[in-house]
PDB file of N, CA and C in Angstrom:
ATOM      1  N   UNK A   1      24.213   1.245  20.648  1.00  0.00           N
ATOM      2  CA  UNK A   1      24.301   2.570  20.049  1.00  0.00           C
ATOM      3  C   UNK A   1      23.250   3.463  20.716  1.00  0.00           C
ATOM      4  N   UNK A   2      23.695   4.564  21.224  1.00  0.00           N
ATOM      5  CA  UNK A   2      22.736   5.497  21.814  1.00  0.00           C
ATOM      6  C   UNK A   2      22.157   6.379  20.710  1.00  0.00           C
ATOM      7  N   UNK A   3      20.979   6.861  20.949  1.00  0.00           N
ATOM      8  CA  UNK A   3      20.324   7.716  19.965  1.00  0.00           C
ATOM      9  C   UNK A   3      20.873   9.126  20.107  1.00  0.00           C
ATOM     10  N   UNK A   4      21.688   9.541  19.169  1.00  0.00           N
ATOM     11  CA  UNK A   4      22.354  10.840  19.217  1.00  0.00           C
ATOM     12  C   UNK A   4      21.337  11.973  19.280  1.00  0.00           C
ATOM     13  N   UNK A   5      20.192  11.774  18.642  1.00  0.00           N
ATOM     14  CA  UNK A   5      19.188  12.838  18.629  1.00  0.00           C
ATOM     15  C   UNK A   5      18.634  13.132  20.014  1.00  0.00           C
ATOM     16  N   UNK A   6      18.795  12.212  20.961  1.00  0.00           N
ATOM     17  CA  UNK A   6      18.373  12.464  22.343  1.00  0.00           C
ATOM     18  C   UNK A   6      19.254  13.555  22.952  1.00  0.00           C
ATOM     19  N   UNK A   7      20.542  13.537  22.620  1.00  0.00           N
ATOM     20  CA  UNK A   7      21.493  14.497  23.180  1.00  0.00           C
ATOM     21  C   UNK A   7      21.521  15.810  22.408  1.00  0.00           C
ATOM     22  N   UNK A   8      21.230  15.746  21.128  1.00  0.00           N
ATOM     23  CA  UNK A   8      21.286  16.924  20.266  1.00  0.00           C
ATOM     24  C   UNK A   8      19.936  17.095  19.585  1.00  0.00           C
ATOM     25  N   UNK A   9      18.951  17.519  20.324  1.00  0.00           N
ATOM     26  CA  UNK A   9      17.567  17.536  19.854  1.00  0.00           C
ATOM     27  C   UNK A   9      17.318  18.428  18.637  1.00  0.00           C
ATOM     28  N   UNK A  10      18.056  19.520  18.488  1.00  0.00           N
ATOM     29  CA  UNK A  10      17.800  20.411  17.353  1.00  0.00           C
ATOM     30  C   UNK A  10      18.725  20.123  16.164  1.00  0.00           C
ATOM     31  N   UNK A  11      19.538  19.078  16.282  1.00  0.00           N
ATOM     32  CA  UNK A  11      20.488  18.749  15.235  1.00  0.00           C
ATOM     33  C   UNK A  11      19.904  17.695  14.306  1.00  0.00           C
ATOM     34  N   UNK A  12      20.041  17.901  12.995  1.00  0.00           N
ATOM     35  CA  UNK A  12      19.654  16.887  12.024  1.00  0.00           C
ATOM     36  C   UNK A  12      20.890  16.043  11.738  1.00  0.00           C
ATOM     37  N   UNK A  13      20.697  14.745  11.715  1.00  0.00           N
ATOM     38  CA  UNK A  13      21.804  13.821  11.494  1.00  0.00           C
ATOM     39  C   UNK A  13      21.573  13.092  10.176  1.00  0.00           C
ATOM     40  N   UNK A  14      22.616  13.006   9.365  1.00  0.00           N
ATOM     41  CA  UNK A  14      22.562  12.321   8.083  1.00  0.00           C
ATOM     42  C   UNK A  14      23.687  11.298   8.023  1.00  0.00           C
ATOM     43  N   UNK A  15      23.403  10.168   7.419  1.00  0.00           N
ATOM     44  CA  UNK A  15      24.410   9.139   7.201  1.00  0.00           C
ATOM     45  C   UNK A  15      24.644   9.074   5.704  1.00  0.00           C
ATOM     46  N   UNK A  16      25.878   9.277   5.277  1.00  0.00           N
ATOM     47  CA  UNK A  16      26.206   9.252   3.856  1.00  0.00           C
ATOM     48  C   UNK A  16      26.665   7.837   3.499  1.00  0.00           C
ATOM     49  N   UNK A  17      25.946   7.247   2.538  1.00  0.00           N
ATOM     50  CA  UNK A  17      26.257   5.888   2.097  1.00  0.00           C
ATOM     51  C   UNK A  17      27.079   5.970   0.815  1.00  0.00           C
ATOM     52  N   UNK A  18      28.271   5.436   0.874  1.00  0.00           N
ATOM     53  CA  UNK A  18      29.165   5.434  -0.277  1.00  0.00           C
ATOM     54  C   UNK A  18      28.606   4.548  -1.381  1.00  0.00           C
ATOM     55  N   UNK A  19      28.967   4.837  -2.611  1.00  0.00           N
ATOM     56  CA  UNK A  19      28.553   3.955  -3.698  1.00  0.00           C
ATOM     57  C   UNK A  19      29.490   2.745  -3.730  1.00  0.00           C
ATOM     58  N   UNK A  20      29.152   1.783  -4.539  1.00  0.00           N
ATOM     59  CA  UNK A  20      29.924   0.552  -4.723  1.00  0.00           C
ATOM     60  C   UNK A  20      29.930  -0.371  -3.496  1.00  0.00           C
ATOM     61  N   UNK A  21      29.011  -0.152  -2.552  1.00  0.00           N
ATOM     62  CA  UNK A  21      28.882  -1.081  -1.436  1.00  0.00           C
ATOM     63  C   UNK A  21      27.948  -2.214  -1.851  1.00  0.00           C
ATOM     64  N   UNK A  22      28.122  -3.371  -1.228  1.00  0.00           N
ATOM     65  CA  UNK A  22      27.240  -4.504  -1.511  1.00  0.00           C
ATOM     66  C   UNK A  22      25.822  -4.156  -1.082  1.00  0.00           C
ATOM     67  N   UNK A  23      24.850  -4.676  -1.830  1.00  0.00           N
ATOM     68  CA  UNK A  23      23.445  -4.397  -1.561  1.00  0.00           C
ATOM     69  C   UNK A  23      23.042  -4.753  -0.134  1.00  0.00           C
ATOM     70  N   UNK A  24      23.565  -5.864   0.388  1.00  0.00           N
ATOM     71  CA  UNK A  24      23.197  -6.264   1.752  1.00  0.00           C
ATOM     72  C   UNK A  24      23.735  -5.289   2.799  1.00  0.00           C
ATOM     73  N   UNK A  25      24.853  -4.661   2.524  1.00  0.00           N
ATOM     74  CA  UNK A  25      25.406  -3.658   3.446  1.00  0.00           C
ATOM     75  C   UNK A  25      24.534  -2.409   3.420  1.00  0.00           C
ATOM     76  N   UNK A  26      24.182  -1.958   2.216  1.00  0.00           N
ATOM     77  CA  UNK A  26      23.335  -0.771   2.072  1.00  0.00           C
ATOM     78  C   UNK A  26      21.985  -1.016   2.736  1.00  0.00           C
ATOM     79  N   UNK A  27      21.424  -2.186   2.531  1.00  0.00           N
ATOM     80  CA  UNK A  27      20.137  -2.530   3.124  1.00  0.00           C
ATOM     81  C   UNK A  27      20.216  -2.490   4.650  1.00  0.00           C
ATOM     82  N   UNK A  28      21.273  -3.025   5.203  1.00  0.00           N
ATOM     83  CA  UNK A  28      21.443  -3.018   6.668  1.00  0.00           C
ATOM     84  C   UNK A  28      21.619  -1.592   7.196  1.00  0.00           C
ATOM     85  N   UNK A  29      22.414  -0.800   6.504  1.00  0.00           N
ATOM     86  CA  UNK A  29      22.610   0.599   6.911  1.00  0.00           C
ATOM     87  C   UNK A  29      21.271   1.322   6.927  1.00  0.00           C
ATOM     88  N   UNK A  30      20.495   1.149   5.860  1.00  0.00           N
ATOM     89  CA  UNK A  30      19.206   1.839   5.770  1.00  0.00           C
ATOM     90  C   UNK A  30      18.247   1.401   6.872  1.00  0.00           C
ATOM     91  N   UNK A  31      18.232   0.115   7.200  1.00  0.00           N
ATOM     92  CA  UNK A  31      17.317  -0.339   8.253  1.00  0.00           C
ATOM     93  C   UNK A  31      17.746   0.200   9.614  1.00  0.00           C
ATOM     94  N   UNK A  32      19.031   0.255   9.877  1.00  0.00           N
ATOM     95  CA  UNK A  32      19.513   0.762  11.162  1.00  0.00           C
ATOM     96  C   UNK A  32      19.344   2.274  11.282  1.00  0.00           C
ATOM     97  N   UNK A  33      19.607   3.003  10.211  1.00  0.00           N
ATOM     98  CA  UNK A  33      19.431   4.457  10.284  1.00  0.00           C
ATOM     99  C   UNK A  33      17.955   4.799  10.437  1.00  0.00           C
ATOM    100  N   UNK A  34      17.088   4.043   9.773  1.00  0.00           N
ATOM    101  CA  UNK A  34      15.653   4.269   9.921  1.00  0.00           C
ATOM    102  C   UNK A  34      15.228   4.011  11.367  1.00  0.00           C
ATOM    103  N   UNK A  35      15.768   2.973  11.953  1.00  0.00           N
ATOM    104  CA  UNK A  35      15.435   2.621  13.338  1.00  0.00           C
ATOM    105  C   UNK A  35      15.779   3.752  14.297  1.00  0.00           C
ATOM    106  N   UNK A  36      16.837   4.488  14.002  1.00  0.00           N
ATOM    107  CA  UNK A  36      17.277   5.575  14.875  1.00  0.00           C
ATOM    108  C   UNK A  36      16.845   6.953  14.381  1.00  0.00           C
ATOM    109  N   UNK A  37      16.031   6.993  13.334  1.00  0.00           N
ATOM    110  CA  UNK A  37      15.538   8.268  12.832  1.00  0.00           C
ATOM    111  C   UNK A  37      16.586   9.115  12.143  1.00  0.00           C
ATOM    112  N   UNK A  38      17.548   8.459  11.508  1.00  0.00           N
ATOM    113  CA  UNK A  38      18.633   9.165  10.817  1.00  0.00           C
ATOM    114  C   UNK A  38      18.397   9.054   9.316  1.00  0.00           C
ATOM    115  N   UNK A  39      18.432  10.179   8.625  1.00  0.00           N
ATOM    116  CA  UNK A  39      18.252  10.183   7.169  1.00  0.00           C
ATOM    117  C   UNK A  39      19.538   9.745   6.485  1.00  0.00           C
ATOM    118  N   UNK A  40      19.382   9.106   5.315  1.00  0.00           N
ATOM    119  CA  UNK A  40      20.549   8.664   4.559  1.00  0.00           C
ATOM    120  C   UNK A  40      20.656   9.438   3.249  1.00  0.00           C
ATOM    121  N   UNK A  41      21.891   9.655   2.858  1.00  0.00           N
ATOM    122  CA  UNK A  41      22.199  10.252   1.561  1.00  0.00           C
ATOM    123  C   UNK A  41      23.013   9.197   0.827  1.00  0.00           C
ATOM    124  N   UNK A  42      22.435   8.635  -0.226  1.00  0.00           N
ATOM    125  CA  UNK A  42      23.098   7.555  -0.948  1.00  0.00           C
ATOM    126  C   UNK A  42      23.821   8.120  -2.167  1.00  0.00           C
ATOM    127  N   UNK A  43      25.130   8.015  -2.164  1.00  0.00           N
ATOM    128  CA  UNK A  43      25.946   8.540  -3.254  1.00  0.00           C
ATOM    129  C   UNK A  43      25.943   7.582  -4.439  1.00  0.00           C
ATOM    130  N   UNK A  44      26.175   8.131  -5.623  1.00  0.00           N
ATOM    131  CA  UNK A  44      26.296   7.299  -6.821  1.00  0.00           C
ATOM    132  C   UNK A  44      27.228   7.958  -7.823  1.00  0.00           C
ATOM    133  N   UNK A  45      27.912   7.126  -8.580  1.00  0.00           N
ATOM    134  CA  UNK A  45      28.765   7.624  -9.666  1.00  0.00           C
ATOM    135  C   UNK A  45      29.957   8.441  -9.211  1.00  0.00           C
ATOM    136  N   UNK A  46      30.570   8.072  -8.087  1.00  0.00           N
ATOM    137  CA  UNK A  46      31.713   8.820  -7.558  1.00  0.00           C
ATOM    138  C   UNK A  46      32.994   8.308  -8.214  1.00  0.00           C
ATOM    139  N   UNK A  47      33.700   9.200  -8.901  1.00  0.00           N
ATOM    140  CA  UNK A  47      34.970   8.820  -9.511  1.00  0.00           C
ATOM    141  C   UNK A  47      35.998   8.589  -8.411  1.00  0.00           C
ATOM    142  N   UNK A  48      36.687   7.435  -8.497  1.00  0.00           N
ATOM    143  CA  UNK A  48      37.668   7.089  -7.465  1.00  0.00           C
ATOM    144  C   UNK A  48      38.961   6.617  -8.094  1.00  0.00           C
ATOM    145  N   UNK A  49      39.999   6.717  -7.305  1.00  0.00           N
ATOM    146  CA  UNK A  49      41.299   6.197  -7.686  1.00  0.00           C
ATOM    147  C   UNK A  49      41.844   5.469  -6.460  1.00  0.00           C
ATOM    148  N   UNK A  50      42.087   4.193  -6.583  1.00  0.00           N
ATOM    149  CA  UNK A  50      42.565   3.422  -5.443  1.00  0.00           C
ATOM    150  C   UNK A  50      41.552   3.371  -4.306  1.00  0.00           C
ATOM    151  N   UNK A  51      40.270   3.448  -4.642  1.00  0.00           N
ATOM    152  CA  UNK A  51      39.221   3.384  -3.637  1.00  0.00           C
ATOM    153  C   UNK A  51      38.876   4.708  -2.982  1.00  0.00           C
ATOM    154  N   UNK A  52      39.616   5.757  -3.312  1.00  0.00           N
ATOM    155  CA  UNK A  52      39.372   7.078  -2.716  1.00  0.00           C
ATOM    156  C   UNK A  52      38.899   8.054  -3.789  1.00  0.00           C
ATOM    157  N   UNK A  53      37.991   8.965  -3.421  1.00  0.00           N
ATOM    158  CA  UNK A  53      37.481   9.918  -4.418  1.00  0.00           C
ATOM    159  C   UNK A  53      38.599  10.789  -4.994  1.00  0.00           C
ATOM    160  N   UNK A  54      38.514  11.000  -6.304  1.00  0.00           N
ATOM    161  CA  UNK A  54      39.408  11.949  -6.962  1.00  0.00           C
ATOM    162  C   UNK A  54      38.864  13.352  -6.701  1.00  0.00           C
ATOM    163  N   UNK A  55      39.529  14.362  -7.238  1.00  0.00           N
ATOM    164  CA  UNK A  55      39.024  15.735  -7.111  1.00  0.00           C
ATOM    165  C   UNK A  55      37.634  15.823  -7.734  1.00  0.00           C
ATOM    166  N   UNK A  56      37.461  15.215  -8.895  1.00  0.00           N
ATOM    167  CA  UNK A  56      36.144  15.208  -9.536  1.00  0.00           C
ATOM    168  C   UNK A  56      35.135  14.440  -8.672  1.00  0.00           C
ATOM    169  N   UNK A  57      35.577  13.341  -8.078  1.00  0.00           N
ATOM    170  CA  UNK A  57      34.705  12.573  -7.196  1.00  0.00           C
ATOM    171  C   UNK A  57      34.265  13.374  -5.983  1.00  0.00           C
ATOM    172  N   UNK A  58      35.177  14.155  -5.415  1.00  0.00           N
ATOM    173  CA  UNK A  58      34.818  15.005  -4.270  1.00  0.00           C
ATOM    174  C   UNK A  58      33.803  16.064  -4.685  1.00  0.00           C
ATOM    175  N   UNK A  59      33.951  16.598  -5.883  1.00  0.00           N
ATOM    176  CA  UNK A  59      32.984  17.579  -6.379  1.00  0.00           C
ATOM    177  C   UNK A  59      31.608  16.922  -6.566  1.00  0.00           C
ATOM    178  N   UNK A  60      31.598  15.694  -7.053  1.00  0.00           N
ATOM    179  CA  UNK A  60      30.340  14.963  -7.212  1.00  0.00           C
ATOM    180  C   UNK A  60      29.674  14.731  -5.857  1.00  0.00           C
ATOM    181  N   UNK A  61      30.465  14.356  -4.864  1.00  0.00           N
ATOM    182  CA  UNK A  61      29.935  14.169  -3.510  1.00  0.00           C
ATOM    183  C   UNK A  61      29.325  15.476  -3.014  1.00  0.00           C
ATOM    184  N   UNK A  62      30.060  16.562  -3.176  1.00  0.00           N
ATOM    185  CA  UNK A  62      29.569  17.883  -2.750  1.00  0.00           C
ATOM    186  C   UNK A  62      28.219  18.193  -3.395  1.00  0.00           C
ATOM    187  N   UNK A  63      28.129  18.008  -4.718  1.00  0.00           N
ATOM    188  CA  UNK A  63      26.892  18.336  -5.427  1.00  0.00           C
ATOM    189  C   UNK A  63      25.727  17.453  -4.990  1.00  0.00           C
ATOM    190  N   UNK A  64      25.981  16.168  -4.793  1.00  0.00           N
ATOM    191  CA  UNK A  64      24.905  15.262  -4.385  1.00  0.00           C
ATOM    192  C   UNK A  64      24.410  15.576  -2.971  1.00  0.00           C
ATOM    193  N   UNK A  65      25.324  15.854  -2.057  1.00  0.00           N
ATOM    194  CA  UNK A  65      24.929  16.201  -0.684  1.00  0.00           C
ATOM    195  C   UNK A  65      24.206  17.544  -0.691  1.00  0.00           C
ATOM    196  N   UNK A  66      24.734  18.518  -1.419  1.00  0.00           N
ATOM    197  CA  UNK A  66      24.100  19.840  -1.504  1.00  0.00           C
ATOM    198  C   UNK A  66      22.694  19.724  -2.067  1.00  0.00           C
ATOM    199  N   UNK A  67      22.525  18.972  -3.149  1.00  0.00           N
ATOM    200  CA  UNK A  67      21.191  18.804  -3.742  1.00  0.00           C
ATOM    201  C   UNK A  67      20.229  18.145  -2.761  1.00  0.00           C
ATOM    202  N   UNK A  68      20.692  17.162  -2.024  1.00  0.00           N
ATOM    203  CA  UNK A  68      19.846  16.496  -1.034  1.00  0.00           C
ATOM    204  C   UNK A  68      19.411  17.484   0.036  1.00  0.00           C
ATOM    205  N   UNK A  69      20.348  18.248   0.553  1.00  0.00           N
ATOM    206  CA  UNK A  69      20.034  19.184   1.642  1.00  0.00           C
ATOM    207  C   UNK A  69      19.146  20.325   1.183  1.00  0.00           C
ATOM    208  N   UNK A  70      19.271  20.729  -0.053  1.00  0.00           N
ATOM    209  CA  UNK A  70      18.420  21.807  -0.582  1.00  0.00           C
ATOM    210  C   UNK A  70      16.971  21.364  -0.712  1.00  0.00           C
ATOM    211  N   UNK A  71      16.732  20.077  -0.809  1.00  0.00           N
ATOM    212  CA  UNK A  71      15.372  19.535  -0.893  1.00  0.00           C
ATOM    213  C   UNK A  71      14.717  19.455   0.487  1.00  0.00           C
ATOM    214  N   UNK A  72      15.514  19.597   1.521  1.00  0.00           N
ATOM    215  CA  UNK A  72      15.014  19.507   2.901  1.00  0.00           C
ATOM    216  C   UNK A  72      14.116  20.662   3.225  1.00  0.00           C
TER     217      UNK A  72
END
């Protein structure tokens, strides 16, 4: 994996971690994103139907990402 920030120096990169993932997957994602200097946004409480976010779930994702970015 190449470090994207080398090519896009003024760009901030975020990795969005879906909820309901196994702890070992989340842990691995966090260690790899940290290694490459990529911030993570960990979602929680996303309403889903058949594994995909509902309209309410998409609104929850929007609010969580927006709140994270506003703290930046």
